[in-house]
Amino acid sequence: MKLKIALRILGQKPPDLNLTVLERWKSELWEIHERRIDTLPLSGDSDLASWGYSDHALARKAPAQTGADITIYILSVPLEDNYYFRRIKRDVACLTFFEVSDVLRSHGIPIENLVLRMLYSSALIHKRRGCLPAISELPSLAHHETKGCVFDMNGIKTDIVFSCHHPVLCDACRVAAGGEQVSNEFLDIFQKEIGRIRKKLYYRAAEGVKRHPLLALGISSVFAVALGIIGSVIAAYLYEGIRRPDQSAQATPAAVTPAASQLAHQP
């Protein structure tokens, strides 16, 4: 049975957050509860320095969604201890774009990729523990080393780019999940699906050009020559198509004129 995750926005929605991508994402492991992402107002002032919101303050504003296994709220304000993801009460967590959204945008990564990454990591944590454990336990499920894994700690927030484009489940995390009775079949599907979290084609192509400029130049030159040849063939074909009707029109009077002339001289 798929895990039901309620995804809700608390406060102002980032203008470039594409909710359609999230609502239409296909997974064999989880689904968005009721296939709808609601938006709720973030009422009340912040209660921490630097305009941040504590777990206690958010717990009153972010109730668990009835019928969902996990409820995740998306915000744009600082969270306690400047985390970008915090579990604030049982099976309820908050994900903020504060600071990390600018990092993702600067690398051409859609910000919804971060949401997808956290949906998958939350689904696997829930599969391992049967719930979202307390915030004090979550660090034990992540690792400080940045590997491009969905369980990277990302204490340095700029490292988040490595796990929001074609992320992986590292060997250590896979072994740890298997040790908590998560099946190989689940982990295989998990690994396959997180591989679909990628940059858009344009940015992937631009990166390819940067990594292999000479190869890109060669391919573009071959493409330009091929395009020229194709254009010449099409032009010649069109020219022949126009020319043949003209030749037929000129040939018809020449063929008819002698016969008509003989008929004209008969008594």
Protein backbone atom coordinates (compact mmCIF):
# COMPACT_ATOMS: atom_id res chain seq x y z
CA MET A 1 0.00 0.00 0.00
CA LYS A 2 1.28 3.45 -0.89
CA LEU A 3 2.16 5.91 1.83
CA LYS A 4 -0.29 8.83 1.87
CA ILE A 5 1.49 12.17 2.23
CA ALA A 6 -0.47 15.38 2.73
CA LEU A 7 1.48 18.26 1.18
CA ARG A 8 0.40 21.78 2.22
CA ILE A 9 1.79 25.29 1.81
CA LEU A 10 1.95 27.44 4.91
CA GLY A 11 2.22 31.12 4.01
CA GLN A 12 3.22 32.58 0.65
CA LYS A 13 3.85 30.15 -2.20
CA PRO A 14 7.12 30.74 -4.09
CA PRO A 15 6.13 31.97 -7.57
CA ASP A 16 8.31 29.40 -9.35
CA LEU A 17 7.14 26.39 -7.35
CA ASN A 18 5.39 24.20 -9.94
CA LEU A 19 2.65 22.41 -8.02
CA THR A 20 1.54 20.56 -11.15
CA VAL A 21 4.84 18.66 -11.21
CA LEU A 22 4.26 17.52 -7.64
CA GLU A 23 0.59 16.66 -8.09
CA ARG A 24 1.25 14.61 -11.23
CA TRP A 25 4.38 12.83 -10.04
CA LYS A 26 3.99 9.06 -10.38
CA SER A 27 5.35 6.86 -7.63
CA GLU A 28 4.78 3.27 -6.61
CA LEU A 29 5.78 4.08 -3.03
CA TRP A 30 3.76 7.17 -2.05
CA GLU A 31 0.99 9.45 -3.23
CA ILE A 32 -0.15 12.95 -2.38
CA HIS A 33 -3.22 12.74 -0.19
CA GLU A 34 -6.35 13.52 -2.24
CA ARG A 35 -4.01 14.66 -5.05
CA ARG A 36 -4.38 18.22 -3.85
CA ILE A 37 -1.96 20.75 -2.33
CA ASP A 38 -3.75 23.26 -0.11
CA THR A 39 -2.44 26.69 0.91
CA LEU A 40 -2.90 28.00 4.45
CA PRO A 41 -2.04 31.45 5.86
CA LEU A 42 0.93 31.79 8.18
CA SER A 43 -0.75 33.91 10.81
CA GLY A 44 1.06 35.36 13.81
CA ASP A 45 4.52 36.83 14.24
CA SER A 46 7.80 34.95 14.40
CA ASP A 47 9.11 34.03 17.84
CA LEU A 48 12.83 33.55 17.13
CA ALA A 49 15.68 35.82 16.12
CA SER A 50 16.14 36.59 12.40
CA TRP A 51 12.38 36.26 11.87
CA GLY A 52 12.43 32.54 12.51
CA TYR A 53 9.63 30.26 13.73
CA SER A 54 10.11 27.70 16.48
CA ASP A 55 8.74 24.18 16.44
CA HIS A 56 6.35 25.18 19.21
CA ALA A 57 4.96 28.09 17.20
CA LEU A 58 4.54 26.02 14.04
CA ALA A 59 2.96 23.07 15.84
CA ARG A 60 -0.09 25.23 16.53
CA LYS A 61 -0.32 26.41 12.92
CA ALA A 62 0.37 23.08 11.20
CA PRO A 63 -2.09 20.35 12.20
CA ALA A 64 -1.86 16.79 10.94
CA GLN A 65 -4.10 16.09 7.95
CA THR A 66 -6.83 13.55 8.67
CA GLY A 67 -6.43 10.42 6.57
CA ALA A 68 -2.76 11.00 5.73
CA ASP A 69 0.20 9.03 7.09
CA ILE A 70 2.52 12.06 6.95
CA THR A 71 1.80 15.79 6.67
CA ILE A 72 4.51 18.06 5.28
CA TYR A 73 4.20 21.85 5.25
CA ILE A 74 6.14 24.02 2.79
CA LEU A 75 7.29 27.42 4.03
CA SER A 76 9.65 30.22 3.01
CA VAL A 77 10.60 31.44 6.51
CA PRO A 78 13.52 30.39 8.75
CA LEU A 79 12.97 27.36 10.97
CA GLU A 80 14.43 26.66 14.38
CA ASP A 81 18.26 26.29 14.35
CA ASN A 82 18.14 27.31 10.66
CA TYR A 83 17.21 23.78 9.52
CA TYR A 84 15.56 23.43 6.12
CA PHE A 85 13.55 20.38 7.27
CA ARG A 86 12.24 19.74 10.78
CA ARG A 87 9.83 17.29 12.31
CA ILE A 88 7.67 19.41 14.62
CA LYS A 89 5.40 16.69 16.00
CA ARG A 90 4.51 13.09 15.28
CA ASP A 91 4.23 12.56 11.51
CA VAL A 92 4.16 16.33 10.83
CA ALA A 93 7.19 18.11 9.38
CA CYS A 94 8.06 21.51 7.90
CA LEU A 95 10.23 22.13 4.83
CA THR A 96 11.44 25.65 4.16
CA PHE A 97 12.89 27.23 1.03
CA PHE A 98 14.64 29.88 3.12
CA GLU A 99 18.17 30.32 1.63
CA VAL A 100 18.14 26.98 -0.20
CA SER A 101 15.81 28.15 -2.97
CA ASP A 102 18.35 30.76 -4.11
CA VAL A 103 21.06 28.08 -4.15
CA LEU A 104 18.91 25.80 -6.32
CA ARG A 105 17.91 28.55 -8.72
CA SER A 106 21.53 29.62 -9.22
CA HIS A 107 22.31 26.07 -10.43
CA GLY A 108 19.27 25.79 -12.70
CA ILE A 109 17.54 23.26 -10.43
CA PRO A 110 13.74 23.51 -10.10
CA ILE A 111 12.85 24.13 -6.47
CA GLU A 112 10.22 21.40 -6.56
CA ASN A 113 13.14 18.94 -6.81
CA LEU A 114 13.87 19.64 -3.14
CA VAL A 115 10.26 18.83 -2.26
CA LEU A 116 10.46 15.55 -4.17
CA ARG A 117 13.74 14.65 -2.49
CA MET A 118 12.23 15.20 0.96
CA LEU A 119 9.05 13.30 0.06
CA TYR A 120 11.15 10.27 -0.83
CA SER A 121 13.44 10.50 2.20
CA SER A 122 10.40 10.91 4.48
CA ALA A 123 8.72 7.90 2.86
CA LEU A 124 11.79 5.75 3.50
CA ILE A 125 12.16 6.98 7.08
CA HIS A 126 8.50 6.15 7.70
CA LYS A 127 9.03 2.71 6.17
CA ARG A 128 12.02 2.11 8.46
CA ARG A 129 10.56 3.46 11.71
CA GLY A 130 6.79 3.39 11.20
CA CYS A 131 6.59 7.16 11.75
CA LEU A 132 8.61 10.36 11.46
CA PRO A 133 10.80 10.16 14.58
CA ALA A 134 11.61 13.09 16.84
CA ILE A 135 13.91 15.80 15.53
CA SER A 136 16.60 14.60 17.94
CA GLU A 137 16.63 11.22 16.16
CA LEU A 138 16.59 12.43 12.57
CA PRO A 139 20.32 13.34 12.45
CA SER A 140 21.15 9.69 13.13
CA LEU A 141 19.41 8.77 9.87
CA ALA A 142 21.54 11.18 7.82
CA HIS A 143 25.28 11.46 7.21
CA HIS A 144 27.54 14.50 7.37
CA GLU A 145 29.46 13.59 4.23
CA THR A 146 27.89 14.93 1.04
CA LYS A 147 27.41 12.06 -1.41
CA GLY A 148 24.49 13.24 -3.52
CA CYS A 149 22.34 10.96 -1.36
CA VAL A 150 18.80 11.81 -0.24
CA PHE A 151 20.09 11.45 3.33
CA ASP A 152 22.88 14.03 3.02
CA MET A 153 22.84 16.26 6.09
CA ASN A 154 23.73 19.40 4.08
CA GLY A 155 25.00 21.33 7.08
CA ILE A 156 26.54 23.57 4.41
CA LYS A 157 23.37 24.48 2.55
CA THR A 158 25.08 25.02 -0.80
CA ASP A 159 25.75 21.25 -0.89
CA ILE A 160 22.04 20.66 -1.36
CA VAL A 161 22.46 20.92 -5.13
CA PHE A 162 24.17 17.51 -5.22
CA SER A 163 21.09 15.68 -3.93
CA CYS A 164 18.48 17.65 -5.90
CA HIS A 165 19.69 16.59 -9.35
CA HIS A 166 19.76 12.85 -10.05
CA PRO A 167 20.10 11.91 -6.35
CA VAL A 168 21.02 8.43 -5.14
CA LEU A 169 20.56 6.20 -2.13
CA CYS A 170 24.14 5.55 -1.03
CA ASP A 171 25.35 2.06 -0.11
CA ALA A 172 25.53 2.85 3.60
CA CYS A 173 21.93 4.12 3.71
CA ARG A 174 20.71 1.15 1.71
CA VAL A 175 22.40 -1.27 4.12
CA ALA A 176 20.94 0.62 7.10
CA ALA A 177 17.44 0.48 5.61
CA GLY A 178 17.81 -3.23 4.87
CA GLY A 179 18.89 -3.78 8.46
CA GLU A 180 15.51 -2.35 9.55
CA GLN A 181 13.57 -4.84 7.42
CA VAL A 182 13.00 -2.71 4.34
CA SER A 183 12.76 -5.10 1.39
CA ASN A 184 15.16 -5.08 -1.55
CA GLU A 185 12.20 -4.63 -3.89
CA PHE A 186 11.18 -1.42 -2.10
CA LEU A 187 14.75 -0.11 -2.22
CA ASP A 188 15.11 -0.97 -5.92
CA ILE A 189 11.96 1.00 -6.76
CA PHE A 190 13.13 3.82 -4.50
CA GLN A 191 16.50 4.05 -6.28
CA LYS A 192 14.88 3.98 -9.72
CA GLU A 193 12.34 6.68 -8.92
CA ILE A 194 14.69 9.18 -7.27
CA GLY A 195 16.80 9.01 -10.42
CA ARG A 196 13.97 10.86 -12.18
CA ILE A 197 14.53 13.93 -9.98
CA ARG A 198 16.56 15.94 -12.46
CA LYS A 199 17.18 19.35 -13.91
CA LYS A 200 15.21 20.41 -16.96
CA LEU A 201 16.58 19.34 -20.34
CA TYR A 202 17.85 22.82 -21.25
CA TYR A 203 20.10 23.01 -18.17
CA ARG A 204 21.32 19.43 -18.63
CA ALA A 205 22.28 20.25 -22.21
CA ALA A 206 24.03 23.46 -21.12
CA GLU A 207 26.04 21.49 -18.55
CA GLY A 208 27.01 18.97 -21.21
CA VAL A 209 28.34 21.76 -23.41
CA LYS A 210 30.41 23.15 -20.52
CA ARG A 211 31.90 19.74 -19.72
CA HIS A 212 32.66 18.80 -23.34
CA PRO A 213 33.04 22.03 -25.38
CA LEU A 214 35.03 20.48 -28.25
CA LEU A 215 32.59 17.61 -28.64
CA ALA A 216 29.68 20.07 -28.58
CA LEU A 217 31.41 22.18 -31.25
CA GLY A 218 31.94 19.12 -33.44
CA ILE A 219 28.32 18.01 -33.09
CA SER A 220 27.01 21.50 -33.89
CA SER A 221 29.26 21.67 -36.99
CA VAL A 222 28.04 18.29 -38.24
CA PHE A 223 24.46 19.34 -37.56
CA ALA A 224 24.96 22.61 -39.49
CA VAL A 225 26.40 20.76 -42.51
CA ALA A 226 23.61 18.16 -42.41
CA LEU A 227 21.01 20.89 -42.17
CA GLY A 228 22.52 22.60 -45.22
CA ILE A 229 22.45 19.38 -47.23
CA ILE A 230 18.86 18.66 -46.25
CA GLY A 231 17.90 22.21 -47.20
CA SER A 232 19.55 21.82 -50.61
CA VAL A 233 17.76 18.51 -51.27
CA ILE A 234 14.40 20.01 -50.34
CA ALA A 235 15.03 23.07 -52.53
CA ALA A 236 15.99 20.86 -55.51
CA TYR A 237 12.89 18.72 -55.03
CA LEU A 238 10.64 21.76 -54.93
CA TYR A 239 12.33 23.23 -58.01
CA GLU A 240 11.79 20.01 -59.98
CA GLY A 241 8.17 19.90 -58.83
CA ILE A 242 7.59 23.44 -60.12
CA ARG A 243 9.53 22.90 -63.36
CA ARG A 244 7.69 19.75 -64.55
CA PRO A 245 4.22 21.35 -64.81
CA ASP A 246 5.76 24.20 -66.83
CA GLN A 247 7.39 21.77 -69.27
CA SER A 248 4.12 19.85 -69.69
CA ALA A 249 2.23 23.04 -70.41
CA GLN A 250 4.76 24.01 -73.12
CA ALA A 251 4.75 20.54 -74.73
CA THR A 252 0.95 20.32 -75.16
CA PRO A 253 0.54 23.03 -77.89
CA ALA A 254 3.51 21.68 -79.90
CA ALA A 255 1.97 18.22 -80.06
CA VAL A 256 -1.49 19.44 -81.05
CA THR A 257 -0.53 22.07 -83.64
CA PRO A 258 0.46 19.73 -86.60
CA ALA A 259 -2.72 17.69 -86.31
CA ALA A 260 -4.84 20.79 -86.13
CA SER A 261 -3.02 22.18 -89.16
CA GLN A 262 -3.77 19.05 -91.28
CA LEU A 263 -7.42 19.19 -90.30
CA ALA A 264 -7.57 22.81 -91.35
CA HIS A 265 -6.36 21.98 -94.94
CA GLN A 266 -8.75 19.09 -95.56
CA PRO A 267 -11.70 19.84 -97.88
